[in-house]
Amino acid sequence: MEITITLLNILYAVCGAFLTIVFMIIGYRIFDKITPFDTSVQLAERNIAVGIVVGSIFIGLGIAVGLVIGMGLN
């Protein structure tokens, strides 16, 4: 019984990590669409301000989805 619960928690965490990465990609693409500049070009040119904003998006999405995953684990 304990092994089943442990395996389900691992499966839930792996699925949650996958969904977190998917949501981060979607968030980045939405940010890229709503800004008047090309985010990839700005990051390639080492624009620090754009890097900080993109990093903040990833951190915010990671925290939000991580909390959802953590609350779902037994």
N, C-alpha and C. Protein backbone atom coordinates (compact mmCIF):
# COMPACT_ATOMS: atom_id res chain seq x y z
N MET A 1 0.83 -1.20 0.00
CA MET A 1 0.00 0.00 0.00
C MET A 1 0.87 1.26 0.00
N GLU A 2 1.92 1.26 0.82
CA GLU A 2 2.82 2.43 0.90
C GLU A 2 3.53 2.66 -0.43
N ILE A 3 3.92 1.56 -1.09
CA ILE A 3 4.63 1.69 -2.36
C ILE A 3 3.72 2.29 -3.41
N THR A 4 2.46 1.91 -3.42
CA THR A 4 1.50 2.46 -4.37
C THR A 4 1.35 3.96 -4.19
N ILE A 5 1.25 4.40 -2.95
CA ILE A 5 1.11 5.83 -2.68
C ILE A 5 2.37 6.56 -3.12
N THR A 6 3.52 5.99 -2.84
CA THR A 6 4.79 6.61 -3.23
C THR A 6 4.90 6.70 -4.74
N LEU A 7 4.56 5.64 -5.45
CA LEU A 7 4.63 5.66 -6.91
C LEU A 7 3.64 6.66 -7.50
N LEU A 8 2.46 6.76 -6.94
CA LEU A 8 1.49 7.75 -7.43
C LEU A 8 2.00 9.16 -7.18
N ASN A 9 2.64 9.40 -6.04
CA ASN A 9 3.19 10.73 -5.77
C ASN A 9 4.31 11.08 -6.74
N ILE A 10 5.15 10.09 -7.06
CA ILE A 10 6.23 10.33 -8.03
C ILE A 10 5.64 10.62 -9.40
N LEU A 11 4.66 9.84 -9.81
CA LEU A 11 4.00 10.07 -11.10
C LEU A 11 3.34 11.44 -11.14
N TYR A 12 2.70 11.83 -10.05
CA TYR A 12 2.06 13.14 -9.98
C TYR A 12 3.10 14.26 -10.07
N ALA A 13 4.24 14.09 -9.41
CA ALA A 13 5.29 15.10 -9.44
C ALA A 13 5.91 15.21 -10.83
N VAL A 14 6.11 14.07 -11.51
CA VAL A 14 6.67 14.10 -12.87
C VAL A 14 5.69 14.78 -13.83
N CYS A 15 4.43 14.44 -13.72
CA CYS A 15 3.41 15.09 -14.57
C CYS A 15 3.34 16.59 -14.27
N GLY A 16 3.46 16.95 -13.01
CA GLY A 16 3.44 18.35 -12.63
C GLY A 16 4.65 19.09 -13.18
N ALA A 17 5.82 18.47 -13.15
CA ALA A 17 7.02 19.10 -13.71
C ALA A 17 6.87 19.30 -15.21
N PHE A 18 6.31 18.31 -15.89
CA PHE A 18 6.08 18.44 -17.33
C PHE A 18 5.11 19.58 -17.61
N LEU A 19 4.02 19.65 -16.86
CA LEU A 19 3.06 20.75 -17.06
C LEU A 19 3.68 22.10 -16.74
N THR A 20 4.57 22.15 -15.75
CA THR A 20 5.24 23.40 -15.43
C THR A 20 6.08 23.89 -16.61
N ILE A 21 6.80 22.98 -17.23
CA ILE A 21 7.61 23.35 -18.40
C ILE A 21 6.72 23.81 -19.55
N VAL A 22 5.61 23.13 -19.77
CA VAL A 22 4.68 23.53 -20.83
C VAL A 22 4.12 24.92 -20.56
N PHE A 23 3.72 25.19 -19.30
CA PHE A 23 3.19 26.51 -18.97
C PHE A 23 4.26 27.59 -19.09
N MET A 24 5.51 27.27 -18.79
CA MET A 24 6.59 28.25 -18.95
C MET A 24 6.80 28.59 -20.43
N ILE A 25 6.73 27.59 -21.29
CA ILE A 25 6.86 27.84 -22.73
C ILE A 25 5.70 28.70 -23.22
N ILE A 26 4.50 28.38 -22.78
CA ILE A 26 3.33 29.17 -23.17
C ILE A 26 3.45 30.61 -22.65
N GLY A 27 3.88 30.77 -21.42
CA GLY A 27 4.06 32.10 -20.84
C GLY A 27 5.09 32.91 -21.60
N TYR A 28 6.19 32.27 -21.99
CA TYR A 28 7.23 32.97 -22.75
C TYR A 28 6.69 33.40 -24.11
N ARG A 29 5.95 32.52 -24.76
CA ARG A 29 5.41 32.87 -26.09
C ARG A 29 4.38 33.99 -26.00
N ILE A 30 3.56 33.98 -24.96
CA ILE A 30 2.60 35.07 -24.78
C ILE A 30 3.33 36.38 -24.54
N PHE A 31 4.36 36.34 -23.68
CA PHE A 31 5.16 37.55 -23.44
C PHE A 31 5.81 38.03 -24.72
N ASP A 32 6.30 37.11 -25.55
CA ASP A 32 6.94 37.48 -26.81
C ASP A 32 5.94 38.13 -27.77
N LYS A 33 4.68 37.67 -27.74
CA LYS A 33 3.66 38.22 -28.65
C LYS A 33 3.19 39.61 -28.20
N ILE A 34 3.11 39.86 -26.89
CA ILE A 34 2.55 41.14 -26.44
C ILE A 34 3.58 42.26 -26.37
N THR A 35 4.86 41.93 -26.49
CA THR A 35 5.87 42.99 -26.46
C THR A 35 6.15 43.45 -27.89
N PRO A 36 6.51 44.73 -28.05
CA PRO A 36 6.74 45.25 -29.41
C PRO A 36 8.10 44.85 -29.99
N PHE A 37 8.92 44.15 -29.23
CA PHE A 37 10.24 43.73 -29.71
C PHE A 37 10.34 42.21 -29.70
N ASP A 38 11.34 41.70 -30.40
CA ASP A 38 11.55 40.25 -30.43
C ASP A 38 12.38 39.86 -29.20
N THR A 39 11.77 39.10 -28.32
CA THR A 39 12.41 38.75 -27.06
C THR A 39 13.67 37.91 -27.29
N SER A 40 13.63 36.98 -28.22
CA SER A 40 14.78 36.13 -28.49
C SER A 40 15.98 36.94 -28.96
N VAL A 41 15.74 37.92 -29.82
CA VAL A 41 16.83 38.78 -30.30
C VAL A 41 17.41 39.59 -29.15
N GLN A 42 16.54 40.14 -28.31
CA GLN A 42 17.01 40.93 -27.18
C GLN A 42 17.82 40.09 -26.21
N LEU A 43 17.41 38.86 -25.98
CA LEU A 43 18.18 37.97 -25.11
C LEU A 43 19.52 37.61 -25.74
N ALA A 44 19.53 37.41 -27.07
CA ALA A 44 20.78 37.11 -27.76
C ALA A 44 21.76 38.29 -27.71
N GLU A 45 21.21 39.50 -27.68
CA GLU A 45 22.04 40.71 -27.58
C GLU A 45 22.41 41.03 -26.13
N ARG A 46 22.06 40.13 -25.21
CA ARG A 46 22.38 40.24 -23.78
C ARG A 46 21.74 41.47 -23.13
N ASN A 47 20.47 41.70 -23.47
CA ASN A 47 19.72 42.78 -22.84
C ASN A 47 19.33 42.32 -21.43
N ILE A 48 19.94 42.94 -20.44
CA ILE A 48 19.76 42.50 -19.05
C ILE A 48 18.33 42.70 -18.58
N ALA A 49 17.70 43.80 -18.97
CA ALA A 49 16.33 44.08 -18.52
C ALA A 49 15.36 43.02 -19.02
N VAL A 50 15.49 42.62 -20.27
CA VAL A 50 14.62 41.58 -20.82
C VAL A 50 14.90 40.25 -20.13
N GLY A 51 16.15 39.97 -19.85
CA GLY A 51 16.51 38.74 -19.15
C GLY A 51 15.90 38.67 -17.76
N ILE A 52 15.91 39.80 -17.06
CA ILE A 52 15.32 39.84 -15.72
C ILE A 52 13.81 39.60 -15.79
N VAL A 53 13.15 40.20 -16.76
CA VAL A 53 11.70 40.04 -16.88
C VAL A 53 11.35 38.59 -17.25
N VAL A 54 12.07 38.02 -18.21
CA VAL A 54 11.80 36.63 -18.60
C VAL A 54 12.09 35.69 -17.43
N GLY A 55 13.17 35.93 -16.70
CA GLY A 55 13.46 35.13 -15.52
C GLY A 55 12.37 35.24 -14.47
N SER A 56 11.85 36.45 -14.31
CA SER A 56 10.76 36.66 -13.34
C SER A 56 9.50 35.91 -13.75
N ILE A 57 9.23 35.87 -15.04
CA ILE A 57 8.07 35.11 -15.53
C ILE A 57 8.24 33.63 -15.18
N PHE A 58 9.44 33.09 -15.43
CA PHE A 58 9.69 31.68 -15.14
C PHE A 58 9.61 31.40 -13.65
N ILE A 59 10.14 32.28 -12.82
CA ILE A 59 10.08 32.08 -11.38
C ILE A 59 8.64 32.13 -10.88
N GLY A 60 7.89 33.11 -11.36
CA GLY A 60 6.48 33.24 -10.94
C GLY A 60 5.65 32.04 -11.33
N LEU A 61 5.80 31.58 -12.57
CA LEU A 61 5.05 30.39 -13.01
C LEU A 61 5.51 29.16 -12.25
N GLY A 62 6.81 29.06 -11.99
CA GLY A 62 7.33 27.91 -11.25
C GLY A 62 6.79 27.85 -9.83
N ILE A 63 6.73 28.99 -9.18
CA ILE A 63 6.19 29.03 -7.81
C ILE A 63 4.71 28.66 -7.81
N ALA A 64 3.94 29.23 -8.73
CA ALA A 64 2.51 28.98 -8.76
C ALA A 64 2.21 27.51 -9.03
N VAL A 65 2.84 26.96 -10.06
CA VAL A 65 2.56 25.56 -10.39
C VAL A 65 3.16 24.64 -9.33
N GLY A 66 4.31 25.00 -8.77
CA GLY A 66 4.91 24.20 -7.71
C GLY A 66 4.03 24.10 -6.48
N LEU A 67 3.36 25.20 -6.15
CA LEU A 67 2.43 25.15 -5.02
C LEU A 67 1.26 24.23 -5.29
N VAL A 68 0.77 24.26 -6.51
CA VAL A 68 -0.34 23.38 -6.86
C VAL A 68 0.09 21.92 -6.78
N ILE A 69 1.29 21.63 -7.28
CA ILE A 69 1.79 20.25 -7.22
C ILE A 69 2.01 19.85 -5.76
N GLY A 70 2.63 20.70 -4.99
CA GLY A 70 2.90 20.38 -3.59
C GLY A 70 1.66 20.15 -2.77
N MET A 71 0.61 20.90 -3.06
CA MET A 71 -0.63 20.72 -2.30
C MET A 71 -1.34 19.43 -2.71
N GLY A 72 -1.07 18.93 -3.92
CA GLY A 72 -1.72 17.72 -4.37
C GLY A 72 -1.05 16.45 -3.89
N LEU A 73 0.20 16.55 -3.45
CA LEU A 73 0.89 15.35 -2.97
C LEU A 73 0.36 14.95 -1.59
N ASN A 74 0.40 13.66 -1.32
CA ASN A 74 -0.09 13.15 -0.03
C ASN A 74 0.94 13.33 1.03
